[in-house]
Each structure stands twice: as structure tokens, then as C-alpha cells.
Amino acid sequence: MPFDLSTPYEISCFAVLYPNRLIHESIGSPDVTLDLPETLAGPAPYITLPLAEETELHHQPGSAGPVNAVAVALAARFGYDSTIRGTVHLTGASDVTDVALGMTDTAFIAIYDELLAACRSLGVRLWRKRHPADLVTIRYTDLAPGDLFWFGGKSHRLVDVRDFAPGQESTLSPDTKFMVFDDGEEFLWYPTGSFHDRADHAPAGYWQRTGDQLLPGDA
């Protein structure tokens, strides 16, 4: 569905949380909706737990799936003592109807803060399946010697991360270093910085840090 260009900054967000802690997000036009009975069809009517003014959690109480521990912990943060099994859907308000809007970006960010807090309480983390062309956020600290760093459509193999010589430190930050590559190229390295690149360009350190999984190219 195309975006309404008269409101370019308005979006709606949905999230699906599986029992294995895989989470999938979709972001689109503000008028996208989710048909709840169709999405949560099962042996019993679906249940909606209002989490905040613009955020709801929907689950199928008759699900034969495993307990969704993260969803249970998330619901508990909002005062619910619920047994939640199988897949849950996080949406915006449905206003006591069978159709839910998406979350606003503000509500989306807020519920993710709660999700992360729920995960910390369980000592686990969420993870995602990434398509090769998906953009991911890579930290400079994810890179290790031997990794490829992509710039301008070309790859450069990292040899080392080095300090600047005394008196030649970067004016951007006293902690900034520089990367040396096997083709002689050099780029700045930021200890707290990150950059975006394709998922299939991400180094091993990214996957180890996030727990995300790379899908096959044809998935």
C-alpha cells in the first residue's frame, strides 16, 4: 500500500513475537490495519490485553504452542498474570473491535523498551531473521581483523585498528582510531559508533552480538 505523501512522517507499526523469541516487525502507512479474528483464528476467541493507550497484545488462548515466556513477562510488566502460548501480535488500538490499527512510532519505541526490559528479567534476548538485502546496524566494535568492510560498493579487508600518532588525534573524538586495510585504504573507527549496511555484508561480530540469523538469498 503506498504511503500518503501528505503525511510523510506518519507510520504504523506491527510486531509479531514467536515463542522462540524471534520477532518480526512491519512498518507501513498509517491506515494499514490487522484483521484480528482472521490472524488469530483458533479453537477459542482471541484475547486482547491493552498494554498502553496505543498498544495492545493479542493472543490465542487455545493455542497448542509452547509458552511464550517473553510475552508473559511483557504482560506482567503491565499487571497481567497470564499464561500466553504460541504467537502474539502487538498492535495499536482496536477500540473493542476486531480490527487493529498499527502502533505509532512513539508507541512502538515505548513497547520495545518494555520488551527489552522483559528480556533482561529473563536473561534472554530477541532475535530476527534478516534477508540478505536488509539494512542492519553494525557497530565498529563488531569488526575484527580479516573482516570485510564495504564502502562505495567495494570491499576492503581489515588488517588492524590503530591509534593516531601523538598530536594527530582526530578532532571528532579523542577515542577515535583508524582502520587499516590490505589494499592500503584507511577509514576512521569510532568506539561507540555504528553504520548501516546490507545483512550479507555484516561481520561475524554483528551476528554474535545480536543473535540474528541470515536467511538464504532465495528465502
Protein backbone atom coordinates (compact mmCIF):
# COMPACT_ATOMS: atom_id res chain seq x y z
CA MET A 1 0.00 0.00 0.00
CA PRO A 2 1.55 3.36 -0.97
CA PHE A 3 2.30 5.98 1.61
CA ASP A 4 0.18 9.11 1.85
CA LEU A 5 2.76 11.71 0.88
CA SER A 6 0.70 14.46 2.52
CA THR A 7 1.75 12.97 5.88
CA PRO A 8 5.27 11.67 5.15
CA TYR A 9 6.25 11.31 8.80
CA GLU A 10 3.25 9.24 9.91
CA ILE A 11 3.70 5.48 10.05
CA SER A 12 2.09 2.46 11.67
CA CYS A 13 3.96 -0.42 13.23
CA PHE A 14 3.05 -4.04 13.98
CA ALA A 15 5.16 -6.69 15.68
CA VAL A 16 4.84 -10.47 15.87
CA LEU A 17 6.56 -12.25 18.76
CA TYR A 18 7.07 -16.02 18.50
CA PRO A 19 7.71 -18.38 21.45
CA ASN A 20 11.30 -18.96 20.31
CA ARG A 21 11.97 -15.19 20.82
CA LEU A 22 12.02 -14.48 17.10
CA ILE A 23 10.39 -11.10 16.48
CA HIS A 24 9.21 -9.71 13.18
CA GLU A 25 8.23 -6.07 12.61
CA SER A 26 6.32 -4.45 9.78
CA ILE A 27 6.10 -0.72 9.20
CA GLY A 28 3.78 0.96 6.71
CA SER A 29 1.12 3.52 6.01
CA PRO A 30 -0.96 4.78 8.97
CA ASP A 31 -4.16 3.33 7.52
CA VAL A 32 -2.93 -0.27 7.42
CA THR A 33 -5.00 -2.50 9.75
CA LEU A 34 -4.90 -6.08 11.06
CA ASP A 35 -7.97 -8.34 10.97
CA LEU A 36 -7.70 -9.98 14.40
CA PRO A 37 -10.15 -12.95 14.06
CA GLU A 38 -8.50 -13.93 10.79
CA THR A 39 -4.97 -13.55 12.14
CA LEU A 40 -5.66 -15.27 15.47
CA ALA A 41 -8.10 -17.94 14.30
CA GLY A 42 -8.17 -20.97 16.58
CA PRO A 43 -10.17 -23.14 18.94
CA ALA A 44 -11.13 -20.20 21.16
CA PRO A 45 -11.79 -16.49 20.67
CA TYR A 46 -8.63 -14.43 20.71
CA ILE A 47 -7.79 -12.37 23.79
CA THR A 48 -6.67 -8.74 23.77
CA LEU A 49 -4.57 -7.28 26.59
CA PRO A 50 -4.40 -3.47 26.49
CA LEU A 51 -0.83 -2.60 27.45
CA ALA A 52 -0.94 1.17 26.96
CA GLU A 53 -3.23 3.75 25.42
CA GLU A 54 -1.99 2.95 21.91
CA THR A 55 -0.65 -0.58 22.33
CA GLU A 56 -2.37 -3.95 22.59
CA LEU A 57 -1.18 -7.55 22.87
CA HIS A 58 -3.32 -10.19 21.16
CA HIS A 59 -3.01 -13.95 21.63
CA GLN A 60 -4.95 -17.17 21.04
CA PRO A 61 -5.72 -18.79 24.44
CA GLY A 62 -6.44 -22.15 22.82
CA SER A 63 -3.01 -22.33 21.17
CA ALA A 64 -1.24 -25.67 21.47
CA GLY A 65 2.11 -23.93 21.04
CA PRO A 66 4.75 -23.58 23.75
CA VAL A 67 4.57 -20.90 26.41
CA ASN A 68 5.69 -17.54 25.06
CA ALA A 69 7.88 -16.59 28.02
CA VAL A 70 8.78 -13.13 26.73
CA ALA A 71 5.11 -12.29 26.11
CA VAL A 72 4.25 -13.49 29.62
CA ALA A 73 6.99 -11.31 31.10
CA LEU A 74 5.89 -8.34 28.97
CA ALA A 75 2.26 -8.72 30.08
CA ALA A 76 3.41 -8.97 33.71
CA ARG A 77 5.05 -5.56 33.40
CA PHE A 78 1.58 -4.17 32.76
CA GLY A 79 -0.07 -6.01 35.65
CA TYR A 80 -1.31 -9.15 33.89
CA ASP A 81 -0.83 -12.66 35.27
CA SER A 82 -1.48 -14.59 32.08
CA THR A 83 -0.48 -17.88 30.53
CA ILE A 84 0.30 -16.97 26.94
CA ARG A 85 1.11 -19.67 24.41
CA GLY A 86 2.15 -19.51 20.80
CA THR A 87 2.47 -16.41 18.66
CA VAL A 88 1.38 -12.98 19.89
CA HIS A 89 0.69 -9.83 17.92
CA LEU A 90 1.50 -6.33 19.16
CA THR A 91 -0.64 -3.63 17.57
CA GLY A 92 -2.11 -0.22 18.12
CA ALA A 93 -5.64 0.27 19.43
CA SER A 94 -8.54 -1.85 18.20
CA ASP A 95 -11.15 0.11 20.21
CA VAL A 96 -13.08 -3.04 21.16
CA THR A 97 -13.46 -4.05 17.52
CA ASP A 98 -11.96 -6.91 15.53
CA VAL A 99 -9.70 -4.60 13.55
CA ALA A 100 -6.48 -3.16 14.99
CA LEU A 101 -4.51 -0.19 13.79
CA GLY A 102 -0.74 -0.18 13.90
CA MET A 103 1.25 1.47 16.66
CA THR A 104 2.56 4.98 16.22
CA ASP A 105 6.35 5.26 16.14
CA THR A 106 6.29 6.66 19.69
CA ALA A 107 4.24 3.73 20.99
CA PHE A 108 6.43 1.32 19.03
CA ILE A 109 9.61 2.62 20.65
CA ALA A 110 8.00 2.58 24.10
CA ILE A 111 6.84 -1.04 23.84
CA TYR A 112 10.28 -2.08 22.65
CA ASP A 113 11.78 -0.57 25.77
CA GLU A 114 9.37 -2.73 27.76
CA LEU A 115 10.19 -5.80 25.64
CA LEU A 116 13.90 -5.33 26.26
CA ALA A 117 13.27 -4.94 30.00
CA ALA A 118 11.22 -8.16 29.95
CA CYS A 119 14.07 -9.94 28.16
CA ARG A 120 16.60 -8.65 30.69
CA SER A 121 14.45 -10.02 33.51
CA LEU A 122 14.57 -13.45 31.85
CA GLY A 123 18.22 -13.26 30.86
CA VAL A 124 17.40 -13.73 27.17
CA ARG A 125 17.33 -11.61 24.03
CA LEU A 126 15.13 -11.22 21.00
CA TRP A 127 16.42 -12.11 17.57
CA ARG A 128 15.39 -11.61 13.98
CA LYS A 129 15.78 -13.34 10.64
CA ARG A 130 17.39 -11.00 8.16
CA HIS A 131 17.16 -11.15 4.39
CA PRO A 132 20.48 -10.57 2.60
CA ALA A 133 19.39 -7.16 1.28
CA ASP A 134 18.02 -5.94 4.65
CA LEU A 135 19.86 -2.98 6.15
CA VAL A 136 21.32 -3.74 9.57
CA THR A 137 23.13 -1.57 12.10
CA ILE A 138 26.72 -2.67 12.55
CA ARG A 139 28.93 -1.36 15.33
CA TYR A 140 32.57 -0.62 14.63
CA THR A 141 33.35 -2.87 17.58
CA ASP A 142 31.72 -5.76 15.65
CA LEU A 143 34.64 -5.67 13.18
CA ALA A 144 37.73 -7.82 13.63
CA PRO A 145 40.91 -8.21 11.57
CA GLY A 146 40.14 -10.24 8.47
CA ASP A 147 36.58 -8.90 8.15
CA LEU A 148 35.38 -7.15 5.02
CA PHE A 149 34.32 -3.50 5.29
CA TRP A 150 32.16 -2.29 2.42
CA PHE A 151 32.44 1.26 1.15
CA GLY A 152 31.41 2.73 -2.19
CA GLY A 153 30.31 -0.67 -3.47
CA LYS A 154 33.75 -2.18 -2.86
CA SER A 155 35.01 -4.42 -0.07
CA HIS A 156 38.18 -3.77 1.91
CA ARG A 157 39.69 -6.42 4.19
CA LEU A 158 40.53 -5.10 7.66
CA VAL A 159 44.11 -5.58 8.80
CA ASP A 160 44.18 -3.58 12.05
CA VAL A 161 42.62 -0.78 14.11
CA ARG A 162 45.30 1.67 15.19
CA ASP A 163 45.72 4.70 17.41
CA PHE A 164 46.62 8.05 15.89
CA ALA A 165 50.17 9.25 16.45
CA PRO A 166 50.52 11.70 19.36
CA GLY A 167 49.41 15.15 18.27
CA GLN A 168 47.50 13.81 15.28
CA GLU A 169 44.37 12.63 17.10
CA SER A 170 41.01 13.16 15.42
CA THR A 171 39.22 16.36 16.36
CA LEU A 172 35.91 14.44 16.26
CA SER A 173 36.67 12.43 19.40
CA PRO A 174 39.80 11.70 21.41
CA ASP A 175 38.89 7.98 21.31
CA THR A 176 38.62 7.80 17.52
CA LYS A 177 41.07 5.41 15.83
CA PHE A 178 41.61 4.43 12.22
CA MET A 179 41.20 1.18 10.32
CA VAL A 180 43.94 -0.07 8.02
CA PHE A 181 43.01 -2.35 5.12
CA ASP A 182 45.03 -4.73 2.98
CA ASP A 183 44.56 -2.55 -0.10
CA GLY A 184 46.10 0.48 1.63
CA GLU A 185 42.80 2.26 2.31
CA GLU A 186 42.19 3.81 5.73
CA PHE A 187 38.90 4.78 7.40
CA LEU A 188 38.01 6.23 10.77
CA TRP A 189 36.88 3.87 13.55
CA TYR A 190 34.58 5.08 16.34
CA PRO A 191 34.40 3.11 19.63
CA THR A 192 30.74 4.00 20.19
CA GLY A 193 29.78 4.46 16.54
CA SER A 194 27.79 2.35 14.09
CA PHE A 195 26.95 2.26 10.41
CA HIS A 196 24.33 0.66 8.16
CA ASP A 197 25.00 -1.99 5.56
CA ARG A 198 23.38 -4.99 3.91
CA ALA A 199 22.85 -8.00 6.17
CA ASP A 200 25.02 -10.18 3.91
CA HIS A 201 27.87 -7.69 4.41
CA ALA A 202 27.71 -7.86 8.22
CA PRO A 203 30.73 -9.37 10.00
CA ALA A 204 30.56 -12.32 12.39
CA GLY A 205 30.66 -9.93 15.35
CA TYR A 206 27.28 -8.48 14.37
CA TRP A 207 25.57 -11.89 14.37
CA GLN A 208 27.21 -12.90 17.65
CA ARG A 209 26.12 -9.65 19.33
CA THR A 210 22.52 -9.65 18.12
CA GLY A 211 21.70 -13.34 17.80
CA ASP A 212 20.04 -12.52 14.46
CA GLN A 213 20.05 -15.14 11.70
CA LEU A 214 20.76 -14.64 8.00
CA LEU A 215 18.18 -16.17 5.67
CA PRO A 216 19.20 -17.82 2.40
CA GLY A 217 19.21 -15.46 -0.55
CA ASP A 218 16.10 -17.01 -2.03
CA ALA A 219 14.09 -17.14 1.22
